[in-house]
N, C-alpha and C. Protein backbone atom coordinates (compact mmCIF):
# COMPACT_ATOMS: atom_id res chain seq x y z
N MET A 1 0.92 -1.44 0.19
CA MET A 1 0.07 0.04 -0.16
C MET A 1 0.89 1.30 -0.06
N LYS A 2 1.86 1.15 0.87
CA LYS A 2 2.70 2.26 1.07
C LYS A 2 3.49 2.91 -0.52
N ARG A 3 4.09 1.57 -1.10
CA ARG A 3 4.51 1.36 -2.18
C ARG A 3 3.54 2.25 -3.54
N ILE A 4 2.29 1.86 -3.57
CA ILE A 4 1.45 2.29 -4.48
C ILE A 4 0.89 3.64 -3.98
N LEU A 5 1.18 4.12 -2.80
CA LEU A 5 0.96 5.98 -2.43
C LEU A 5 1.89 6.69 -2.88
N ILE A 6 3.38 6.31 -2.70
CA ILE A 6 4.53 6.80 -3.55
C ILE A 6 4.64 7.04 -4.75
N SER A 7 4.10 6.11 -5.25
CA SER A 7 4.10 5.95 -7.01
C SER A 7 2.80 6.87 -7.43
N MET A 8 1.89 7.06 -6.39
CA MET A 8 0.77 8.28 -7.33
C MET A 8 1.17 9.26 -6.74
N ILE A 9 2.22 9.73 -5.86
CA ILE A 9 2.52 10.79 -5.40
C ILE A 9 3.65 11.53 -6.38
N LEU A 10 4.53 10.36 -6.99
CA LEU A 10 5.41 10.59 -7.92
C LEU A 10 4.98 10.93 -9.32
N ILE A 11 3.50 10.08 -9.85
CA ILE A 11 2.68 10.28 -10.93
C ILE A 11 2.45 11.87 -10.52
N GLY A 12 1.77 11.94 -9.64
CA GLY A 12 1.19 13.27 -9.53
C GLY A 12 2.14 14.71 -9.69
N SER A 13 3.20 14.30 -9.11
CA SER A 13 4.07 15.22 -9.09
C SER A 13 4.82 15.38 -10.49
N LEU A 14 4.89 14.39 -11.22
CA LEU A 14 5.07 14.33 -12.83
C LEU A 14 4.66 15.16 -13.80
N HIS A 15 3.06 14.90 -13.27
CA HIS A 15 1.62 15.67 -14.11
C HIS A 15 2.01 16.97 -14.01
N LEU A 16 1.97 17.78 -12.79
CA LEU A 16 2.29 18.82 -12.36
C LEU A 16 3.54 19.52 -13.41
N GLN A 17 4.29 19.04 -13.56
CA GLN A 17 5.37 19.06 -14.50
C GLN A 17 5.18 19.33 -15.95
N ALA A 18 4.12 18.72 -16.48
CA ALA A 18 3.66 18.45 -17.67
C ALA A 18 3.20 20.06 -18.49
N GLN A 19 4.37 20.60 -18.59
CA GLN A 19 4.11 21.73 -19.46
C GLN A 19 3.33 21.79 -20.59
N PHE A 20 3.97 21.10 -21.54
CA PHE A 20 3.36 20.93 -23.10
C PHE A 20 2.08 19.79 -22.99
N VAL A 21 0.90 20.21 -22.99
CA VAL A 21 0.06 19.20 -23.03
C VAL A 21 -1.05 18.98 -24.16
N ASP A 22 -0.71 19.91 -24.93
CA ASP A 22 -1.81 19.62 -26.14
C ASP A 22 -1.56 19.98 -27.46
N PHE A 23 -1.64 19.62 -28.56
CA PHE A 23 -1.22 20.39 -29.76
C PHE A 23 -2.56 20.31 -30.85
N MET A 24 -3.00 21.56 -31.24
CA MET A 24 -4.16 21.54 -31.83
C MET A 24 -3.71 22.03 -33.00
N ASP A 25 -4.45 21.68 -34.53
CA ASP A 25 -3.81 21.65 -35.84
C ASP A 25 -5.35 21.52 -36.53
N SER A 26 -5.59 22.82 -36.98
CA SER A 26 -7.01 22.69 -37.75
C SER A 26 -7.01 23.03 -39.20
N SER A 27 -5.42 23.39 -39.37
CA SER A 27 -5.23 23.55 -40.76
C SER A 27 -5.66 22.47 -41.78
N SER A 28 -5.99 22.69 -43.03
CA SER A 28 -6.09 21.21 -43.86
C SER A 28 -4.90 21.22 -44.93
N LYS A 29 -3.86 22.06 -45.11
CA LYS A 29 -2.70 21.28 -46.17
C LYS A 29 -1.65 21.80 -45.36
N ASN A 30 -0.49 20.94 -45.53
CA ASN A 30 1.03 21.11 -44.85
C ASN A 30 0.87 20.70 -43.00
N LYS A 31 -0.06 19.90 -42.66
CA LYS A 31 -0.08 19.85 -41.30
C LYS A 31 1.07 19.49 -40.50
N PHE A 32 0.85 19.74 -39.32
CA PHE A 32 1.95 19.32 -38.36
C PHE A 32 1.28 17.77 -38.20
N LEU A 33 0.02 17.70 -37.91
CA LEU A 33 -0.51 16.49 -37.10
C LEU A 33 -0.41 15.54 -38.29
N GLY A 34 -1.04 14.18 -38.39
CA GLY A 34 -1.79 13.45 -39.05
C GLY A 34 -2.80 13.76 -39.73
N LEU A 35 -2.90 12.99 -40.94
CA LEU A 35 -4.05 14.09 -42.04
C LEU A 35 -5.58 13.72 -41.39
N ASP A 36 -5.80 13.09 -40.51
CA ASP A 36 -7.33 12.86 -39.94
C ASP A 36 -7.16 13.56 -38.57
N LEU A 37 -6.22 14.16 -38.13
CA LEU A 37 -6.01 14.30 -36.37
C LEU A 37 -6.30 15.93 -36.58
N SER A 38 -6.78 16.54 -35.47
CA SER A 38 -6.90 18.16 -35.55
C SER A 38 -6.52 18.41 -33.89
N THR A 39 -6.00 17.46 -33.32
CA THR A 39 -5.52 17.76 -31.87
C THR A 39 -4.59 16.28 -31.38
N CYS A 40 -3.78 16.62 -30.66
CA CYS A 40 -2.98 15.55 -30.01
C CYS A 40 -2.70 16.06 -28.43
N SER A 41 -2.99 14.92 -27.58
CA SER A 41 -2.51 15.11 -26.30
C SER A 41 -2.10 13.71 -25.59
N PRO A 42 -1.83 13.65 -24.36
CA PRO A 42 -1.51 12.41 -23.82
C PRO A 42 -2.62 11.46 -23.74
N GLU A 43 -4.01 12.17 -23.48
CA GLU A 43 -4.80 11.62 -23.13
C GLU A 43 -5.31 10.70 -24.23
N THR A 44 -6.39 9.35 -24.15
CA THR A 44 -6.86 8.34 -24.84
C THR A 44 -8.29 8.72 -25.56
N ASN A 45 -8.39 9.00 -26.78
CA ASN A 45 -9.60 9.14 -27.23
C ASN A 45 -10.52 7.71 -28.06
N LYS A 46 -11.83 7.99 -27.55
CA LYS A 46 -12.27 6.56 -28.23
C LYS A 46 -13.32 7.12 -28.76
N SER A 47 -13.89 6.58 -29.95
CA SER A 47 -15.39 6.78 -30.53
C SER A 47 -15.55 5.28 -31.61
N SER A 48 -16.55 5.33 -32.20
CA SER A 48 -16.90 4.33 -32.42
C SER A 48 -16.56 4.12 -34.21
N LYS A 49 -15.96 5.05 -34.22
CA LYS A 49 -14.87 5.24 -35.66
C LYS A 49 -13.40 4.97 -35.44
N ASN A 50 -13.02 5.72 -34.24
CA ASN A 50 -11.42 5.36 -34.23
C ASN A 50 -11.19 5.01 -32.89
N TYR A 51 -9.73 4.85 -32.75
CA TYR A 51 -9.22 4.78 -31.24
C TYR A 51 -7.82 5.27 -31.48
N GLN A 52 -7.67 6.63 -30.87
CA GLN A 52 -6.16 6.77 -30.91
C GLN A 52 -5.78 7.17 -29.37
N LYS A 53 -4.65 6.33 -29.35
CA LYS A 53 -3.61 6.34 -28.44
C LYS A 53 -2.98 7.32 -27.85
N GLY A 54 -2.68 8.02 -26.52
CA GLY A 54 -2.17 9.08 -26.37
C GLY A 54 -0.69 8.76 -27.09
N TYR A 55 -0.32 10.37 -27.32
CA TYR A 55 1.10 10.65 -27.81
C TYR A 55 1.34 9.93 -29.47
N ASP A 56 0.19 9.54 -30.28
CA ASP A 56 -0.07 8.95 -31.36
C ASP A 56 -0.51 10.23 -32.19
N CYS A 57 0.25 11.28 -32.32
CA CYS A 57 0.20 12.32 -33.32
C CYS A 57 0.26 12.36 -34.56
N GLY A 58 0.66 10.85 -35.09
CA GLY A 58 1.41 11.02 -36.75
C GLY A 58 2.61 11.84 -36.87
N ASN A 59 3.09 12.37 -36.10
CA ASN A 59 4.31 13.36 -35.97
C ASN A 59 5.29 12.75 -34.74
N SER A 60 6.33 12.02 -34.97
CA SER A 60 6.88 11.46 -33.78
C SER A 60 7.75 12.78 -32.94
N THR A 61 8.20 13.58 -33.83
CA THR A 61 8.61 14.67 -33.20
C THR A 61 7.68 15.34 -31.76
N ILE A 62 6.27 15.61 -32.30
CA ILE A 62 5.64 16.38 -31.22
C ILE A 62 5.04 15.42 -30.15
N SER A 63 5.07 14.15 -30.59
CA SER A 63 4.71 13.18 -29.53
C SER A 63 5.67 13.04 -28.50
N GLU A 64 7.17 13.04 -29.09
CA GLU A 64 8.21 13.01 -28.08
C GLU A 64 8.23 14.47 -26.99
N TYR A 65 7.35 15.48 -27.31
CA TYR A 65 7.65 16.89 -26.65
C TYR A 65 6.39 17.04 -25.61
N LEU A 66 5.51 15.96 -26.33
CA LEU A 66 3.88 16.13 -25.28
C LEU A 66 4.78 16.03 -23.79
N ASN A 67 3.93 16.91 -22.54
CA ASN A 67 4.41 16.53 -21.17
C ASN A 67 6.00 17.13 -20.89
N LEU A 68 6.42 17.61 -22.33
CA LEU A 68 7.71 18.26 -21.52
C LEU A 68 7.64 19.32 -21.07
N ASN A 69 8.72 19.34 -19.84
CA ASN A 69 8.65 20.94 -19.10
C ASN A 69 9.50 21.58 -19.40
N PHE A 70 9.34 22.47 -20.37
CA PHE A 70 10.34 23.57 -20.78
C PHE A 70 10.82 24.45 -19.55
N LEU A 71 10.43 24.59 -18.38
CA LEU A 71 10.81 25.31 -17.41
C LEU A 71 11.72 24.43 -16.77
N SER A 72 11.79 23.48 -16.80
CA SER A 72 12.72 22.33 -16.39
C SER A 72 14.42 23.10 -16.08
N PRO A 73 14.89 22.77 -14.93
CA PRO A 73 16.38 23.21 -14.81
C PRO A 73 17.30 22.57 -16.28
N GLN A 74 16.91 21.27 -17.04
CA GLN A 74 17.89 20.65 -17.89
C GLN A 74 17.44 22.04 -19.26
N LEU A 75 15.93 21.94 -19.18
CA LEU A 75 15.67 22.50 -20.48
C LEU A 75 15.27 24.43 -20.64
N LEU A 76 15.56 24.74 -19.49
CA LEU A 76 15.23 26.24 -19.49
C LEU A 76 16.66 27.00 -20.25
N GLY A 77 16.25 28.22 -21.03
CA GLY A 77 17.13 28.91 -21.58
C GLY A 77 17.56 28.01 -23.01
N GLN A 78 16.61 26.96 -23.67
CA GLN A 78 16.88 26.12 -24.76
C GLN A 78 15.78 26.76 -25.80
N GLN A 79 16.31 26.26 -26.87
CA GLN A 79 14.84 26.24 -28.14
C GLN A 79 14.95 24.91 -28.65
N PHE A 80 13.60 24.35 -29.10
CA PHE A 80 13.30 23.37 -29.74
C PHE A 80 12.48 23.65 -31.26
N TYR A 81 12.75 22.47 -32.21
CA TYR A 81 11.98 22.53 -33.03
C TYR A 81 11.15 21.45 -33.75
N LEU A 82 10.19 22.24 -33.91
CA LEU A 82 9.13 21.01 -34.89
C LEU A 82 8.50 21.27 -36.04
N TYR A 83 8.85 20.12 -36.91
CA TYR A 83 8.39 20.03 -38.13
C TYR A 83 7.12 19.35 -38.76
N ASN A 84 6.53 20.05 -40.01
CA ASN A 84 5.46 18.92 -40.59
C ASN A 84 5.86 18.28 -40.92
N ASN A 85 4.87 17.40 -41.42
CA ASN A 85 4.94 16.16 -42.00
C ASN A 85 5.19 16.39 -43.79
N PHE A 86 6.69 17.27 -43.83
CA PHE A 86 6.67 17.56 -45.23
C PHE A 86 7.03 16.53 -46.14
N MET A 87 7.72 15.53 -45.74
CA MET A 87 7.60 14.58 -46.61
C MET A 87 6.88 14.06 -47.30
N TYR A 88 5.93 14.01 -46.70
CA TYR A 88 4.19 13.38 -47.44
C TYR A 88 3.75 14.86 -48.44
N TRP A 89 3.55 16.00 -47.55
CA TRP A 89 3.23 17.31 -48.35
C TRP A 89 4.04 17.68 -49.64
N ILE A 90 5.21 17.56 -49.40
CA ILE A 90 6.03 17.69 -50.75
C ILE A 90 5.91 17.00 -51.87
N GLY A 91 5.26 15.72 -51.48
CA GLY A 91 5.25 14.73 -52.92
C GLY A 91 3.70 15.10 -53.19
N ASN A 92 2.79 15.28 -52.33
CA ASN A 92 1.30 15.91 -52.67
C ASN A 92 0.74 17.15 -53.24
N ASN A 93 2.18 17.54 -52.93
CA ASN A 93 1.78 19.25 -53.45
C ASN A 93 2.86 19.55 -54.79
N SER A 94 3.10 18.14 -55.51
CA SER A 94 4.06 18.43 -56.59
C SER A 94 2.99 19.22 -57.81
N GLN A 95 3.55 19.99 -58.52
CA GLN A 95 2.72 20.37 -59.51
C GLN A 95 2.37 19.25 -60.62
N SER A 96 1.30 19.79 -61.04
CA SER A 96 0.67 18.70 -62.04
C SER A 96 0.68 19.84 -63.20
N ASP A 97 0.47 19.54 -64.66
CA ASP A 97 0.73 20.47 -65.95
C ASP A 97 -0.05 21.70 -65.66
N LYS A 98 -1.35 21.10 -64.77
CA LYS A 98 -2.31 22.32 -65.02
C LYS A 98 -1.93 23.73 -63.72
N GLN A 99 -1.43 23.04 -62.90
CA GLN A 99 -1.00 23.69 -61.72
C GLN A 99 0.50 24.35 -62.07
N ALA A 100 1.20 23.68 -62.76
CA ALA A 100 2.26 24.43 -63.42
C ALA A 100 2.24 25.36 -64.47
N THR A 101 1.22 25.43 -65.32
CA THR A 101 0.67 26.51 -65.97
C THR A 101 -0.22 27.84 -65.28
N LEU A 102 -0.69 27.24 -64.33
CA LEU A 102 -1.18 28.61 -63.42
C LEU A 102 -0.26 29.19 -62.59
N ALA A 103 0.64 28.37 -62.20
CA ALA A 103 2.00 29.12 -61.63
C ALA A 103 2.72 29.73 -62.33
N MET A 104 2.66 29.87 -63.69
CA MET A 104 3.40 30.61 -64.54
C MET A 104 2.50 31.88 -65.08
N GLU A 105 1.18 31.60 -65.13
CA GLU A 105 0.18 32.64 -65.69
C GLU A 105 -0.06 33.32 -64.61
N GLN A 106 -0.35 33.09 -63.64
CA GLN A 106 -0.62 33.71 -62.09
C GLN A 106 0.23 33.57 -60.97
N PRO A 107 1.62 34.01 -61.04
CA PRO A 107 2.33 33.85 -59.79
C PRO A 107 1.76 34.62 -58.76
N ASP A 108 1.00 35.44 -58.67
CA ASP A 108 0.84 36.22 -57.48
C ASP A 108 -0.51 35.50 -56.68
N GLN A 109 -1.16 34.46 -57.63
CA GLN A 109 -1.88 33.76 -56.77
C GLN A 109 -1.87 32.07 -56.35
N TYR A 110 -0.91 31.90 -57.14
CA TYR A 110 -0.76 30.44 -56.52
C TYR A 110 0.52 30.05 -55.41
N PHE A 111 0.23 29.42 -54.42
CA PHE A 111 1.08 28.82 -53.72
C PHE A 111 1.43 27.28 -54.01
N SER A 112 2.59 26.72 -54.15
CA SER A 112 2.64 25.72 -54.43
C SER A 112 2.87 24.66 -53.08
N GLY A 113 3.48 25.34 -52.16
CA GLY A 113 3.05 24.40 -50.75
C GLY A 113 4.45 23.33 -50.63
N SER A 114 5.19 23.73 -51.39
CA SER A 114 6.23 22.53 -51.74
C SER A 114 7.45 22.70 -50.52
N GLY A 115 7.35 23.45 -49.58
CA GLY A 115 8.59 23.83 -48.34
C GLY A 115 8.03 23.36 -47.29
N ILE A 116 8.93 23.75 -46.46
CA ILE A 116 8.83 22.81 -44.96
C ILE A 116 8.44 23.97 -43.97
N PHE A 117 7.66 23.59 -43.04
CA PHE A 117 6.93 24.57 -42.44
C PHE A 117 7.39 24.07 -40.84
N MET A 118 7.67 24.94 -40.08
CA MET A 118 8.67 24.89 -38.72
C MET A 118 7.96 25.43 -37.71
N ILE A 119 8.06 24.96 -36.77
CA ILE A 119 7.80 25.92 -35.29
C ILE A 119 9.13 25.84 -34.36
N VAL A 120 9.51 27.11 -33.68
CA VAL A 120 10.57 27.21 -32.99
C VAL A 120 10.10 27.37 -31.50
N ILE A 121 10.38 27.07 -30.60
CA ILE A 121 9.63 27.28 -29.37
C ILE A 121 10.77 27.07 -28.36
N GLY A 122 10.62 27.62 -27.25
CA GLY A 122 11.77 27.51 -25.96
C GLY A 122 11.52 28.93 -25.06
N THR A 123 12.74 28.84 -24.35
CA THR A 123 12.92 29.95 -23.43
C THR A 123 14.33 30.61 -23.43
N SER A 124 14.77 30.65 -24.70
CA SER A 124 16.29 30.85 -25.10
C SER A 124 16.27 32.45 -24.83
N PRO A 125 17.67 33.22 -24.50
CA PRO A 125 17.48 34.65 -24.61
C PRO A 125 17.41 35.08 -26.12
N TYR A 126 17.63 34.28 -27.16
CA TYR A 126 17.95 34.88 -28.29
C TYR A 126 16.58 34.61 -28.77
N LEU A 127 15.82 33.74 -28.29
CA LEU A 127 13.99 33.61 -29.14
C LEU A 127 13.65 34.77 -28.61
N GLN A 128 13.51 34.89 -27.12
CA GLN A 128 12.93 36.02 -26.24
C GLN A 128 12.99 37.13 -26.99
N GLN A 129 14.39 37.44 -27.10
CA GLN A 129 14.59 38.71 -27.89
C GLN A 129 14.16 39.18 -29.27
N THR A 130 14.16 37.95 -29.93
CA THR A 130 13.74 38.20 -31.40
C THR A 130 12.47 38.48 -31.43
N VAL A 131 11.59 37.68 -30.57
CA VAL A 131 10.22 37.65 -30.68
C VAL A 131 9.55 39.05 -29.99
N THR A 132 10.27 39.02 -28.45
CA THR A 132 9.13 40.09 -27.96
C THR A 132 10.06 40.68 -26.93
N SER A 133 11.24 41.36 -27.38
CA SER A 133 12.42 42.24 -26.44
C SER A 133 11.80 42.95 -25.52
N GLN A 134 10.45 43.70 -25.35
CA GLN A 134 10.03 44.72 -24.63
C GLN A 134 9.16 44.01 -23.52
N LYS A 135 8.60 42.75 -23.58
CA LYS A 135 7.81 41.86 -22.67
C LYS A 135 8.44 41.34 -21.40
N THR A 136 8.10 41.77 -20.35
CA THR A 136 8.42 40.87 -18.90
C THR A 136 6.93 40.11 -18.27
N CYS A 137 7.60 39.51 -17.56
CA CYS A 137 6.91 38.43 -16.64
C CYS A 137 6.78 38.52 -15.56
N PRO A 138 5.72 38.57 -14.53
CA PRO A 138 5.75 38.82 -13.34
C PRO A 138 6.60 37.77 -12.50
N ALA A 139 6.88 38.27 -10.99
CA ALA A 139 7.79 37.31 -10.47
C ALA A 139 7.05 35.70 -10.28
N GLY A 140 8.15 35.09 -10.65
CA GLY A 140 7.89 33.38 -10.38
C GLY A 140 7.23 32.81 -11.88
N LYS A 141 7.39 34.00 -12.82
CA LYS A 141 6.48 33.21 -14.14
C LYS A 141 7.92 33.42 -15.03
N THR A 142 7.90 32.39 -16.21
CA THR A 142 9.10 32.74 -17.35
C THR A 142 8.51 32.55 -18.62
N LEU A 143 9.24 33.44 -19.38
CA LEU A 143 8.31 34.08 -20.51
C LEU A 143 8.72 32.67 -21.75
N LEU A 144 7.79 31.98 -22.21
CA LEU A 144 8.09 30.84 -23.27
C LEU A 144 7.52 31.64 -24.69
N VAL A 145 8.30 31.59 -25.48
CA VAL A 145 7.88 32.04 -27.12
C VAL A 145 7.80 30.90 -28.11
N ALA A 146 7.56 31.28 -29.24
CA ALA A 146 7.21 30.66 -30.25
C ALA A 146 6.87 31.26 -31.61
N GLN A 147 7.70 30.57 -32.59
CA GLN A 147 7.59 31.51 -33.96
C GLN A 147 7.25 30.09 -35.01
N LEU A 148 5.86 30.71 -35.96
CA LEU A 148 6.03 29.56 -36.93
C LEU A 148 6.85 30.26 -38.36
N LYS A 149 7.52 29.23 -38.97
CA LYS A 149 8.13 29.83 -40.11
C LYS A 149 8.03 28.74 -41.44
N TYR A 150 8.25 29.58 -42.64
CA TYR A 150 8.04 28.58 -43.46
C TYR A 150 9.33 28.75 -44.33
N ASN A 151 9.73 27.75 -45.08
CA ASN A 151 10.99 27.54 -45.72
C ASN A 151 10.47 27.02 -47.09
N ASP A 152 10.73 27.93 -47.88
CA ASP A 152 10.63 27.67 -49.44
C ASP A 152 11.51 27.00 -50.20
N GLY A 153 12.64 26.89 -49.76
CA GLY A 153 14.08 26.56 -50.37
C GLY A 153 14.97 27.18 -50.76
N ASN A 154 14.64 28.33 -50.59
CA ASN A 154 15.33 29.59 -50.93
C ASN A 154 15.50 30.50 -49.55
N SER A 155 14.75 30.80 -48.51
CA SER A 155 14.62 31.29 -47.62
C SER A 155 13.59 31.07 -46.46
N ILE A 156 14.12 31.65 -45.58
CA ILE A 156 13.16 31.11 -44.29
C ILE A 156 12.41 32.21 -43.82
N ALA A 157 11.10 32.43 -43.65
CA ALA A 157 10.39 33.60 -43.14
C ALA A 157 9.72 32.84 -42.15
N CYS A 158 9.50 34.18 -40.95
CA CYS A 158 8.48 33.88 -39.96
C CYS A 158 7.22 34.21 -40.50
N TRP A 159 6.25 33.56 -40.29
CA TRP A 159 4.93 33.71 -40.74
C TRP A 159 3.91 34.14 -39.61
N SER A 160 3.99 33.60 -38.40
CA SER A 160 3.64 33.80 -36.72
C SER A 160 4.13 33.59 -35.70
N GLN A 161 4.23 34.51 -34.68
CA GLN A 161 5.11 34.43 -33.60
C GLN A 161 3.46 34.83 -32.42
N ASP A 162 4.08 34.03 -31.06
CA ASP A 162 3.68 34.19 -29.96
C ASP A 162 4.20 34.01 -28.72
N SER A 163 3.73 34.71 -27.26
CA SER A 163 4.68 34.47 -26.55
C SER A 163 3.45 34.19 -24.95
N ILE A 164 4.14 33.61 -24.17
CA ILE A 164 3.14 33.63 -22.90
C ILE A 164 4.15 33.47 -21.44
N CYS A 165 3.40 34.01 -20.39
CA CYS A 165 4.20 33.76 -19.11
C CYS A 165 4.02 32.61 -18.51
N LEU A 166 4.72 31.95 -17.97
CA LEU A 166 4.24 30.22 -17.48
C LEU A 166 4.82 30.14 -16.01
N SER A 167 4.07 29.88 -15.00
CA SER A 167 4.48 29.11 -13.75
C SER A 167 5.08 27.85 -13.76
N PRO A 168 5.67 27.63 -12.81
CA PRO A 168 6.11 26.04 -13.02
C PRO A 168 5.16 24.95 -12.96
N THR A 169 3.98 25.42 -12.92
CA THR A 169 3.10 24.10 -12.44
C THR A 169 1.78 24.45 -13.74
N ASP A 170 2.21 25.29 -14.62
CA ASP A 170 1.19 25.97 -15.62
C ASP A 170 1.37 24.48 -16.78
N LYS A 171 -0.13 24.57 -17.41
CA LYS A 171 -0.04 23.68 -18.57
C LYS A 171 -0.38 24.51 -20.17
N PHE A 172 -0.07 24.06 -20.98
CA PHE A 172 -0.15 24.94 -22.31
C PHE A 172 -0.20 24.13 -23.51
N ALA A 173 -0.91 24.78 -24.69
CA ALA A 173 -1.09 23.98 -25.81
C ALA A 173 -0.52 24.94 -26.79
N ILE A 174 -0.17 24.37 -27.90
CA ILE A 174 0.06 25.02 -29.24
C ILE A 174 -0.97 24.79 -30.11
N GLN A 175 -1.54 26.09 -30.36
CA GLN A 175 -2.38 26.31 -31.47
C GLN A 175 -2.06 26.53 -32.79
N ILE A 176 -2.23 25.70 -33.63
CA ILE A 176 -1.92 26.12 -35.23
C ILE A 176 -3.46 26.15 -36.05
N THR A 177 -3.62 27.30 -36.66
CA THR A 177 -4.67 27.66 -37.98
C THR A 177 -4.29 28.00 -38.95
N SER A 178 -5.03 28.35 -40.36
CA SER A 178 -4.73 28.75 -41.28
C SER A 178 -5.31 30.22 -41.36
N ASP A 179 -5.24 30.88 -40.28
CA ASP A 179 -6.40 32.49 -40.18
C ASP A 179 -4.70 32.94 -40.22
N GLN A 180 -5.05 34.09 -40.96
CA GLN A 180 -4.17 35.45 -41.22
C GLN A 180 -3.55 35.92 -39.94
N ASP A 181 -2.31 36.07 -39.93
CA ASP A 181 -1.98 36.66 -38.56
C ASP A 181 -1.19 38.19 -38.60
N ASN A 182 -0.67 39.01 -37.67
CA ASN A 182 -0.23 40.05 -37.72
C ASN A 182 0.79 40.32 -36.80
N THR A 183 1.24 39.22 -36.35
CA THR A 183 2.32 39.18 -35.28
C THR A 183 3.68 39.39 -35.60
N VAL A 184 3.99 39.37 -36.67
CA VAL A 184 5.73 39.68 -37.32
C VAL A 184 5.51 40.87 -38.24
N PRO A 185 5.96 41.59 -37.19
CA PRO A 185 6.39 43.45 -37.70
C PRO A 185 7.48 43.37 -38.44
N ALA A 186 7.84 44.17 -38.94
CA ALA A 186 8.74 44.74 -40.27
C ALA A 186 10.31 44.31 -39.68
N LYS A 187 10.97 44.15 -40.86
CA LYS A 187 12.49 44.04 -40.42
C LYS A 187 12.81 45.15 -39.61
N SER A 188 13.81 44.60 -38.82
CA SER A 188 14.32 46.09 -38.18
C SER A 188 15.64 45.83 -37.56
N SER A 189 16.70 47.13 -37.83
CA SER A 189 18.05 46.75 -38.12
C SER A 189 18.81 46.86 -36.17
N THR A 190 19.42 45.66 -36.19
CA THR A 190 19.67 45.44 -34.57
C THR A 190 21.48 45.51 -34.45
N GLY A 191 22.08 45.68 -35.91
CA GLY A 191 23.51 45.84 -35.74
C GLY A 191 23.86 44.30 -36.87
N SER A 192 25.18 43.98 -37.17
CA SER A 192 25.67 43.10 -37.77
C SER A 192 26.67 42.86 -37.27
N ASP A 193 26.91 41.43 -37.39
CA ASP A 193 28.49 40.74 -36.94
C ASP A 193 29.48 41.00 -38.28
N ALA A 194 30.49 40.47 -37.91
CA ALA A 194 31.83 40.72 -38.84
C ALA A 194 31.76 40.38 -40.11
N GLN A 195 30.65 39.40 -40.38
CA GLN A 195 30.60 38.92 -41.66
C GLN A 195 29.40 39.84 -42.42
N GLY A 196 28.75 40.71 -41.76
CA GLY A 196 27.56 41.45 -42.16
C GLY A 196 26.44 40.84 -41.95
N ILE A 197 26.54 39.78 -41.21
CA ILE A 197 24.78 39.09 -40.83
C ILE A 197 24.17 39.23 -39.61
N ASN A 198 23.05 39.99 -39.93
CA ASN A 198 22.25 40.24 -38.65
C ASN A 198 21.41 39.30 -38.55
N TRP A 199 21.96 38.26 -37.29
CA TRP A 199 21.30 37.18 -36.68
C TRP A 199 19.70 37.77 -35.71
N MET A 200 19.76 38.99 -35.40
CA MET A 200 18.57 38.81 -34.73
C MET A 200 17.26 39.51 -36.07
N GLN A 201 17.72 39.75 -37.24
CA GLN A 201 16.77 39.85 -38.07
C GLN A 201 16.05 39.04 -38.84
N ASP A 202 14.77 39.18 -38.95
CA ASP A 202 14.11 37.89 -39.10
C ASP A 202 12.84 38.33 -40.14
N SER A 203 12.82 37.85 -41.53
CA SER A 203 12.20 38.05 -42.76
C SER A 203 10.55 37.90 -42.15
N GLY A 204 9.83 38.54 -42.53
CA GLY A 204 8.53 38.53 -42.14
C GLY A 204 7.73 37.94 -43.36
N PRO A 205 6.37 37.70 -43.36
CA PRO A 205 5.60 37.03 -44.58
C PRO A 205 5.91 37.71 -45.92
N ALA A 206 6.13 36.84 -46.93
CA ALA A 206 6.00 37.50 -48.30
C ALA A 206 4.82 37.14 -48.95
N ALA A 207 4.58 37.47 -50.34
CA ALA A 207 3.20 37.52 -50.99
C ALA A 207 2.93 35.94 -50.46
N ASN A 208 3.61 34.93 -50.64
CA ASN A 208 3.15 33.50 -50.58
C ASN A 208 2.34 33.48 -49.36
N TYR A 209 2.55 34.36 -48.19
CA TYR A 209 1.60 34.09 -47.09
C TYR A 209 0.39 34.37 -47.26
N GLY A 210 0.04 35.14 -48.27
CA GLY A 210 -1.55 35.19 -48.31
C GLY A 210 -2.04 34.11 -49.33
N GLN A 211 -1.36 33.64 -49.97
CA GLN A 211 -1.88 32.56 -50.89
C GLN A 211 -1.98 31.39 -50.61
N ALA A 212 -1.43 30.74 -49.39
CA ALA A 212 -1.35 29.73 -48.63
C ALA A 212 -2.63 29.72 -47.67
N LYS A 213 -3.75 29.58 -48.20
CA LYS A 213 -5.07 29.74 -47.38
C LYS A 213 -5.80 28.47 -46.67
N GLY A 214 -4.93 27.42 -46.78
CA GLY A 214 -5.41 26.22 -46.11
C GLY A 214 -3.94 25.63 -45.53
N SER A 215 -3.02 26.28 -45.56
CA SER A 215 -1.78 25.97 -44.71
C SER A 215 -1.40 26.52 -43.12
N PRO A 216 -0.64 26.24 -42.30
CA PRO A 216 -0.44 26.67 -41.16
C PRO A 216 -0.11 28.03 -41.19
N ARG A 217 -0.86 29.29 -40.86
CA ARG A 217 -0.57 30.35 -41.03
C ARG A 217 -0.27 31.37 -39.58
N LYS A 218 -0.82 30.89 -38.57
CA LYS A 218 -1.08 31.34 -37.15
C LYS A 218 -0.50 30.37 -36.21
N ILE A 219 0.14 31.03 -35.19
CA ILE A 219 0.44 30.05 -33.98
C ILE A 219 0.07 30.83 -32.66
N ARG A 220 -0.41 30.31 -31.69
CA ARG A 220 -0.88 30.71 -30.44
C ARG A 220 -0.95 29.79 -29.40
N LEU A 221 0.05 30.29 -28.34
CA LEU A 221 0.37 29.45 -26.98
C LEU A 221 -0.75 29.63 -26.18
N VAL A 222 -1.48 28.65 -25.64
CA VAL A 222 -2.54 28.88 -24.69
C VAL A 222 -2.95 27.86 -23.74
N LEU A 223 -2.86 28.58 -22.80
CA LEU A 223 -3.20 27.84 -21.13
C LEU A 223 -4.13 27.01 -21.09
N LYS A 224 -3.84 25.80 -20.41
CA LYS A 224 -4.66 25.14 -20.73
C LYS A 224 -5.35 24.89 -18.70
């Protein structure tokens, strides 16, 4: 009985440390989750039509990050990367003859979707300064920030970003939608290094952002 009680206490304490507990993705193309999934959490979902085990997101990276405590001493000050299922989408977004003609005739209205979508999330000082250098959190809370980026094979552009103040026992979800967002400001100069590279400069959405109507375009960090 004592051993069971100790195990329950340990499980309870681990649960309190479960910072990242849900990933929600309502986009219809270039999804981060499996094709038929709109959410992934440690809980098990049952219905008459499907049976989804906890952590089974159709994306191993997200599955591994569920219940990860971003404020633990081991992870504090770091940043992490989550990628969409780009190997599937690149193959399914390949241009047909009709699509290729459309892309040539109306380049301002066509989005190939053949690139890679990426989420950068964490508490690293670099990421905090890049996303929101002016925001501070109350005592006992830490600033967690996230960016949604798109790599078209030629450049990487930030399409959306968000931040949230977390206490050690808070839980949060990552929410991805295809809604348009305006959280990425225009480029600002923060100085360059000896090679002339401005590492704090982040390219914002280009013309293809408005064209990617079904793809991930907005990220939010939501308290649970």
